[in-house]
């Protein structure tokens, strides 16, 4: 069971990291501009989601590391 849990956490972390990189690249490639009223126009939602996915990926990596260390001690 621990192996299945570890694989699931690793998959979640990998997918989260891929999503973070993809959203970060989208944010950078979309660029930003100022419209005629002086408002900044940018894809800020992509940057926020990228950070959320990045934090999820790092949290998954930490949980995975703890589970691997605990399983080796037994």
PDB file of N, CA and C in Angstrom:
ATOM      1  N   UNK A   1       0.815  -1.194   0.000  1.00  0.00           N
ATOM      2  CA  UNK A   1       0.000   0.000   0.000  1.00  0.00           C
ATOM      3  C   UNK A   1       0.860   1.260   0.000  1.00  0.00           C
ATOM      4  N   UNK A   2       1.936   1.239   0.729  1.00  0.00           N
ATOM      5  CA  UNK A   2       2.813   2.398   0.808  1.00  0.00           C
ATOM      6  C   UNK A   2       3.417   2.711  -0.557  1.00  0.00           C
ATOM      7  N   UNK A   3       3.710   1.666  -1.325  1.00  0.00           N
ATOM      8  CA  UNK A   3       4.276   1.858  -2.649  1.00  0.00           C
ATOM      9  C   UNK A   3       3.268   2.535  -3.573  1.00  0.00           C
ATOM     10  N   UNK A   4       2.010   2.138  -3.469  1.00  0.00           N
ATOM     11  CA  UNK A   4       0.966   2.737  -4.304  1.00  0.00           C
ATOM     12  C   UNK A   4       0.758   4.204  -3.915  1.00  0.00           C
ATOM     13  N   UNK A   5       0.789   4.502  -2.635  1.00  0.00           N
ATOM     14  CA  UNK A   5       0.660   5.877  -2.158  1.00  0.00           C
ATOM     15  C   UNK A   5       1.834   6.722  -2.634  1.00  0.00           C
ATOM     16  N   UNK A   6       3.023   6.160  -2.556  1.00  0.00           N
ATOM     17  CA  UNK A   6       4.222   6.875  -2.994  1.00  0.00           C
ATOM     18  C   UNK A   6       4.168   7.174  -4.490  1.00  0.00           C
ATOM     19  N   UNK A   7       3.726   6.215  -5.281  1.00  0.00           N
ATOM     20  CA  UNK A   7       3.589   6.437  -6.724  1.00  0.00           C
ATOM     21  C   UNK A   7       2.557   7.512  -7.038  1.00  0.00           C
ATOM     22  N   UNK A   8       1.464   7.518  -6.301  1.00  0.00           N
ATOM     23  CA  UNK A   8       0.426   8.528  -6.511  1.00  0.00           C
ATOM     24  C   UNK A   8       0.938   9.923  -6.175  1.00  0.00           C
ATOM     25  N   UNK A   9       1.676  10.040  -5.077  1.00  0.00           N
ATOM     26  CA  UNK A   9       2.229  11.335  -4.683  1.00  0.00           C
ATOM     27  C   UNK A   9       3.269  11.800  -5.696  1.00  0.00           C
ATOM     28  N   UNK A  10       4.091  10.882  -6.176  1.00  0.00           N
ATOM     29  CA  UNK A  10       5.086  11.241  -7.192  1.00  0.00           C
ATOM     30  C   UNK A  10       4.422  11.690  -8.495  1.00  0.00           C
ATOM     31  N   UNK A  11       3.341  11.022  -8.876  1.00  0.00           N
ATOM     32  CA  UNK A  11       2.607  11.416 -10.080  1.00  0.00           C
ATOM     33  C   UNK A  11       1.992  12.805  -9.903  1.00  0.00           C
ATOM     34  N   UNK A  12       1.406  13.054  -8.740  1.00  0.00           N
ATOM     35  CA  UNK A  12       0.831  14.370  -8.473  1.00  0.00           C
ATOM     36  C   UNK A  12       1.906  15.454  -8.537  1.00  0.00           C
ATOM     37  N   UNK A  13       3.057  15.194  -7.957  1.00  0.00           N
ATOM     38  CA  UNK A  13       4.140  16.165  -7.985  1.00  0.00           C
ATOM     39  C   UNK A  13       4.661  16.422  -9.382  1.00  0.00           C
ATOM     40  N   UNK A  14       4.810  15.369 -10.161  1.00  0.00           N
ATOM     41  CA  UNK A  14       5.300  15.515 -11.535  1.00  0.00           C
ATOM     42  C   UNK A  14       4.323  16.309 -12.397  1.00  0.00           C
ATOM     43  N   UNK A  15       3.048  15.965 -12.298  1.00  0.00           N
ATOM     44  CA  UNK A  15       2.044  16.686 -13.082  1.00  0.00           C
ATOM     45  C   UNK A  15       1.931  18.142 -12.641  1.00  0.00           C
ATOM     46  N   UNK A  16       2.058  18.384 -11.346  1.00  0.00           N
ATOM     47  CA  UNK A  16       2.004  19.760 -10.844  1.00  0.00           C
ATOM     48  C   UNK A  16       3.189  20.565 -11.346  1.00  0.00           C
ATOM     49  N   UNK A  17       4.365  19.950 -11.367  1.00  0.00           N
ATOM     50  CA  UNK A  17       5.545  20.653 -11.853  1.00  0.00           C
ATOM     51  C   UNK A  17       5.429  20.958 -13.341  1.00  0.00           C
ATOM     52  N   UNK A  18       4.911  20.014 -14.110  1.00  0.00           N
ATOM     53  CA  UNK A  18       4.708  20.257 -15.543  1.00  0.00           C
ATOM     54  C   UNK A  18       3.696  21.377 -15.778  1.00  0.00           C
ATOM     55  N   UNK A  19       2.631  21.388 -14.988  1.00  0.00           N
ATOM     56  CA  UNK A  19       1.632  22.444 -15.117  1.00  0.00           C
ATOM     57  C   UNK A  19       2.227  23.797 -14.743  1.00  0.00           C
ATOM     58  N   UNK A  20       3.057  23.827 -13.699  1.00  0.00           N
ATOM     59  CA  UNK A  20       3.691  25.078 -13.273  1.00  0.00           C
ATOM     60  C   UNK A  20       4.611  25.619 -14.361  1.00  0.00           C
ATOM     61  N   UNK A  21       5.398  24.754 -14.961  1.00  0.00           N
ATOM     62  CA  UNK A  21       6.310  25.184 -16.024  1.00  0.00           C
ATOM     63  C   UNK A  21       5.515  25.669 -17.239  1.00  0.00           C
ATOM     64  N   UNK A  22       4.473  24.939 -17.596  1.00  0.00           N
ATOM     65  CA  UNK A  22       3.648  25.332 -18.734  1.00  0.00           C
ATOM     66  C   UNK A  22       2.957  26.671 -18.521  1.00  0.00           C
ATOM     67  N   UNK A  23       2.391  26.870 -17.349  1.00  0.00           N
ATOM     68  CA  UNK A  23       1.719  28.137 -17.063  1.00  0.00           C
ATOM     69  C   UNK A  23       2.714  29.288 -16.959  1.00  0.00           C
ATOM     70  N   UNK A  24       3.892  29.015 -16.398  1.00  0.00           N
ATOM     71  CA  UNK A  24       4.926  30.052 -16.330  1.00  0.00           C
ATOM     72  C   UNK A  24       5.385  30.465 -17.720  1.00  0.00           C
ATOM     73  N   UNK A  25       5.564  29.486 -18.596  1.00  0.00           N
ATOM     74  CA  UNK A  25       5.957  29.791 -19.973  1.00  0.00           C
ATOM     75  C   UNK A  25       4.859  30.566 -20.688  1.00  0.00           C
ATOM     76  N   UNK A  26       3.613  30.184 -20.463  1.00  0.00           N
ATOM     77  CA  UNK A  26       2.492  30.905 -21.081  1.00  0.00           C
ATOM     78  C   UNK A  26       2.470  32.356 -20.615  1.00  0.00           C
ATOM     79  N   UNK A  27       2.681  32.565 -19.313  1.00  0.00           N
ATOM     80  CA  UNK A  27       2.679  33.932 -18.775  1.00  0.00           C
ATOM     81  C   UNK A  27       3.778  34.775 -19.419  1.00  0.00           C
ATOM     82  N   UNK A  28       4.959  34.179 -19.563  1.00  0.00           N
ATOM     83  CA  UNK A  28       6.070  34.925 -20.160  1.00  0.00           C
ATOM     84  C   UNK A  28       5.855  35.202 -21.647  1.00  0.00           C
ATOM     85  N   UNK A  29       5.323  34.220 -22.354  1.00  0.00           N
ATOM     86  CA  UNK A  29       5.129  34.375 -23.794  1.00  0.00           C
ATOM     87  C   UNK A  29       3.937  35.272 -24.135  1.00  0.00           C
ATOM     88  N   UNK A  30       2.945  35.341 -23.245  1.00  0.00           N
ATOM     89  CA  UNK A  30       1.768  36.172 -23.515  1.00  0.00           C
ATOM     90  C   UNK A  30       2.121  37.654 -23.454  1.00  0.00           C
ATOM     91  N   UNK A  31       3.073  37.985 -22.612  1.00  0.00           N
ATOM     92  CA  UNK A  31       3.497  39.384 -22.514  1.00  0.00           C
ATOM     93  C   UNK A  31       2.480  40.250 -21.801  1.00  0.00           C
ATOM     94  N   UNK A  32       2.778  41.522 -21.734  1.00  0.00           N
ATOM     95  CA  UNK A  32       1.867  42.475 -21.115  1.00  0.00           C
ATOM     96  C   UNK A  32       1.887  43.763 -21.916  1.00  0.00           C
ATOM     97  N   UNK A  33       0.830  44.521 -21.767  1.00  0.00           N
ATOM     98  CA  UNK A  33       0.736  45.794 -22.477  1.00  0.00           C
ATOM     99  C   UNK A  33      -0.106  46.754 -21.648  1.00  0.00           C
ATOM    100  N   UNK A  34      -0.060  48.006 -22.040  1.00  0.00           N
ATOM    101  CA  UNK A  34      -0.874  49.036 -21.398  1.00  0.00           C
ATOM    102  C   UNK A  34      -1.875  49.529 -22.434  1.00  0.00           C
ATOM    103  N   UNK A  35      -3.161  49.470 -22.069  1.00  0.00           N
ATOM    104  CA  UNK A  35      -4.165  49.921 -23.038  1.00  0.00           C
ATOM    105  C   UNK A  35      -4.287  51.441 -23.026  1.00  0.00           C
ATOM    106  N   UNK A  36      -5.197  51.965 -23.830  1.00  0.00           N
ATOM    107  CA  UNK A  36      -5.292  53.416 -24.007  1.00  0.00           C
ATOM    108  C   UNK A  36      -5.756  54.161 -22.754  1.00  0.00           C
ATOM    109  N   UNK A  37      -6.386  53.436 -21.812  1.00  0.00           N
ATOM    110  CA  UNK A  37      -6.815  54.079 -20.566  1.00  0.00           C
ATOM    111  C   UNK A  37      -5.753  54.008 -19.478  1.00  0.00           C
ATOM    112  N   UNK A  38      -4.617  53.389 -19.781  1.00  0.00           N
ATOM    113  CA  UNK A  38      -3.523  53.277 -18.810  1.00  0.00           C
ATOM    114  C   UNK A  38      -3.590  52.042 -17.938  1.00  0.00           C
ATOM    115  N   UNK A  39      -4.448  51.092 -18.286  1.00  0.00           N
ATOM    116  CA  UNK A  39      -4.594  49.857 -17.523  1.00  0.00           C
ATOM    117  C   UNK A  39      -3.589  48.817 -18.012  1.00  0.00           C
ATOM    118  N   UNK A  40      -2.971  48.124 -17.087  1.00  0.00           N
ATOM    119  CA  UNK A  40      -2.039  47.055 -17.445  1.00  0.00           C
ATOM    120  C   UNK A  40      -2.822  45.812 -17.835  1.00  0.00           C
ATOM    121  N   UNK A  41      -2.543  45.287 -19.006  1.00  0.00           N
ATOM    122  CA  UNK A  41      -3.219  44.091 -19.513  1.00  0.00           C
ATOM    123  C   UNK A  41      -2.199  42.967 -19.551  1.00  0.00           C
ATOM    124  N   UNK A  42      -2.409  41.955 -18.707  1.00  0.00           N
ATOM    125  CA  UNK A  42      -1.511  40.801 -18.678  1.00  0.00           C
ATOM    126  C   UNK A  42      -2.280  39.575 -18.211  1.00  0.00           C
ATOM    127  N   UNK A  43      -1.697  38.435 -18.413  1.00  0.00           N
ATOM    128  CA  UNK A  43      -2.315  37.165 -18.024  1.00  0.00           C
ATOM    129  C   UNK A  43      -1.880  36.807 -16.602  1.00  0.00           C
ATOM    130  N   UNK A  44      -2.287  37.624 -15.630  1.00  0.00           N
ATOM    131  CA  UNK A  44      -1.820  37.439 -14.262  1.00  0.00           C
ATOM    132  C   UNK A  44      -2.322  36.135 -13.646  1.00  0.00           C
ATOM    133  N   UNK A  45      -3.478  35.653 -14.078  1.00  0.00           N
ATOM    134  CA  UNK A  45      -4.020  34.405 -13.540  1.00  0.00           C
ATOM    135  C   UNK A  45      -3.064  33.246 -13.781  1.00  0.00           C
ATOM    136  N   UNK A  46      -2.350  33.273 -14.895  1.00  0.00           N
ATOM    137  CA  UNK A  46      -1.433  32.175 -15.217  1.00  0.00           C
ATOM    138  C   UNK A  46      -0.255  32.162 -14.249  1.00  0.00           C
ATOM    139  N   UNK A  47       0.221  33.324 -13.845  1.00  0.00           N
ATOM    140  CA  UNK A  47       1.333  33.398 -12.895  1.00  0.00           C
ATOM    141  C   UNK A  47       0.896  32.893 -11.522  1.00  0.00           C
ATOM    142  N   UNK A  48      -0.292  33.279 -11.102  1.00  0.00           N
ATOM    143  CA  UNK A  48      -0.801  32.806  -9.812  1.00  0.00           C
ATOM    144  C   UNK A  48      -0.981  31.297  -9.782  1.00  0.00           C
ATOM    145  N   UNK A  49      -1.569  30.755 -10.837  1.00  0.00           N
ATOM    146  CA  UNK A  49      -1.743  29.300 -10.905  1.00  0.00           C
ATOM    147  C   UNK A  49      -0.407  28.570 -11.002  1.00  0.00           C
ATOM    148  N   UNK A  50       0.552  29.155 -11.694  1.00  0.00           N
ATOM    149  CA  UNK A  50       1.870  28.532 -11.792  1.00  0.00           C
ATOM    150  C   UNK A  50       2.496  28.401 -10.406  1.00  0.00           C
ATOM    151  N   UNK A  51       2.378  29.445  -9.596  1.00  0.00           N
ATOM    152  CA  UNK A  51       2.918  29.377  -8.232  1.00  0.00           C
ATOM    153  C   UNK A  51       2.196  28.342  -7.379  1.00  0.00           C
ATOM    154  N   UNK A  52       0.886  28.252  -7.530  1.00  0.00           N
ATOM    155  CA  UNK A  52       0.130  27.247  -6.767  1.00  0.00           C
ATOM    156  C   UNK A  52       0.578  25.841  -7.156  1.00  0.00           C
ATOM    157  N   UNK A  53       0.728  25.580  -8.450  1.00  0.00           N
ATOM    158  CA  UNK A  53       1.181  24.261  -8.893  1.00  0.00           C
ATOM    159  C   UNK A  53       2.622  23.994  -8.473  1.00  0.00           C
ATOM    160  N   UNK A  54       3.471  25.023  -8.472  1.00  0.00           N
ATOM    161  CA  UNK A  54       4.856  24.852  -8.046  1.00  0.00           C
ATOM    162  C   UNK A  54       4.933  24.494  -6.557  1.00  0.00           C
ATOM    163  N   UNK A  55       4.150  25.179  -5.741  1.00  0.00           N
ATOM    164  CA  UNK A  55       4.135  24.870  -4.302  1.00  0.00           C
ATOM    165  C   UNK A  55       3.585  23.470  -4.063  1.00  0.00           C
ATOM    166  N   UNK A  56       2.584  23.071  -4.832  1.00  0.00           N
ATOM    167  CA  UNK A  56       2.049  21.707  -4.729  1.00  0.00           C
ATOM    168  C   UNK A  56       3.112  20.677  -5.100  1.00  0.00           C
ATOM    169  N   UNK A  57       3.872  20.957  -6.143  1.00  0.00           N
ATOM    170  CA  UNK A  57       4.924  20.029  -6.571  1.00  0.00           C
ATOM    171  C   UNK A  57       6.010  19.908  -5.507  1.00  0.00           C
ATOM    172  N   UNK A  58       6.414  21.019  -4.926  1.00  0.00           N
ATOM    173  CA  UNK A  58       7.458  20.981  -3.891  1.00  0.00           C
ATOM    174  C   UNK A  58       6.951  20.283  -2.626  1.00  0.00           C
ATOM    175  N   UNK A  59       5.701  20.504  -2.282  1.00  0.00           N
ATOM    176  CA  UNK A  59       5.112  19.818  -1.123  1.00  0.00           C
ATOM    177  C   UNK A  59       5.045  18.312  -1.369  1.00  0.00           C
ATOM    178  N   UNK A  60       4.673  17.935  -2.573  1.00  0.00           N
ATOM    179  CA  UNK A  60       4.628  16.508  -2.920  1.00  0.00           C
ATOM    180  C   UNK A  60       6.016  15.886  -2.848  1.00  0.00           C
ATOM    181  N   UNK A  61       7.028  16.626  -3.274  1.00  0.00           N
ATOM    182  CA  UNK A  61       8.393  16.108  -3.207  1.00  0.00           C
ATOM    183  C   UNK A  61       8.825  15.904  -1.758  1.00  0.00           C
ATOM    184  N   UNK A  62       8.470  16.838  -0.887  1.00  0.00           N
ATOM    185  CA  UNK A  62       8.833  16.687   0.531  1.00  0.00           C
ATOM    186  C   UNK A  62       8.113  15.509   1.177  1.00  0.00           C
ATOM    187  N   UNK A  63       6.816  15.358   0.896  1.00  0.00           N
ATOM    188  CA  UNK A  63       6.058  14.232   1.453  1.00  0.00           C
ATOM    189  C   UNK A  63       6.619  12.916   0.918  1.00  0.00           C
ATOM    190  N   UNK A  64       6.952  12.881  -0.351  1.00  0.00           N
ATOM    191  CA  UNK A  64       7.521  11.680  -0.957  1.00  0.00           C
ATOM    192  C   UNK A  64       8.857  11.319  -0.314  1.00  0.00           C
ATOM    193  N   UNK A  65       9.678  12.325  -0.066  1.00  0.00           N
ATOM    194  CA  UNK A  65      10.977  12.067   0.575  1.00  0.00           C
ATOM    195  C   UNK A  65      10.792  11.522   1.982  1.00  0.00           C
ATOM    196  N   UNK A  66       9.861  12.077   2.725  1.00  0.00           N
ATOM    197  CA  UNK A  66       9.602  11.596   4.090  1.00  0.00           C
ATOM    198  C   UNK A  66       9.098  10.156   4.056  1.00  0.00           C
ATOM    199  N   UNK A  67       8.198   9.846   3.140  1.00  0.00           N
ATOM    200  CA  UNK A  67       7.681   8.480   3.047  1.00  0.00           C
ATOM    201  C   UNK A  67       8.770   7.490   2.649  1.00  0.00           C
ATOM    202  N   UNK A  68       9.670   7.890   1.758  1.00  0.00           N
ATOM    203  CA  UNK A  68      10.758   6.988   1.359  1.00  0.00           C
ATOM    204  C   UNK A  68      11.710   6.739   2.520  1.00  0.00           C
ATOM    205  N   UNK A  69      12.024   7.763   3.292  1.00  0.00           N
ATOM    206  CA  UNK A  69      12.913   7.588   4.445  1.00  0.00           C
ATOM    207  C   UNK A  69      12.247   6.706   5.496  1.00  0.00           C
ATOM    208  N   UNK A  70      10.975   6.923   5.732  1.00  0.00           N
ATOM    209  CA  UNK A  70      10.258   6.106   6.714  1.00  0.00           C
ATOM    210  C   UNK A  70      10.168   4.648   6.276  1.00  0.00           C
ATOM    211  N   UNK A  71       9.976   4.404   4.971  1.00  0.00           N
ATOM    212  CA  UNK A  71       9.866   3.022   4.502  1.00  0.00           C
ATOM    213  C   UNK A  71      11.209   2.295   4.556  1.00  0.00           C
ATOM    214  N   UNK A  72      12.314   2.999   4.437  1.00  0.00           N
ATOM    215  CA  UNK A  72      13.625   2.356   4.520  1.00  0.00           C
ATOM    216  C   UNK A  72      14.008   2.022   5.949  1.00  0.00           C
ATOM    217  N   UNK A  73      13.477   2.729   6.901  1.00  0.00           N
ATOM    218  CA  UNK A  73      13.778   2.454   8.322  1.00  0.00           C
ATOM    219  C   UNK A  73      13.110   1.198   8.818  1.00  0.00           C
ATOM    220  N   UNK A  74      12.031   0.786   8.196  1.00  0.00           N
ATOM    221  CA  UNK A  74      11.289  -0.411   8.655  1.00  0.00           C
ATOM    222  C   UNK A  74      11.953  -1.677   8.216  1.00  0.00           C
TER     223      UNK A  74
END
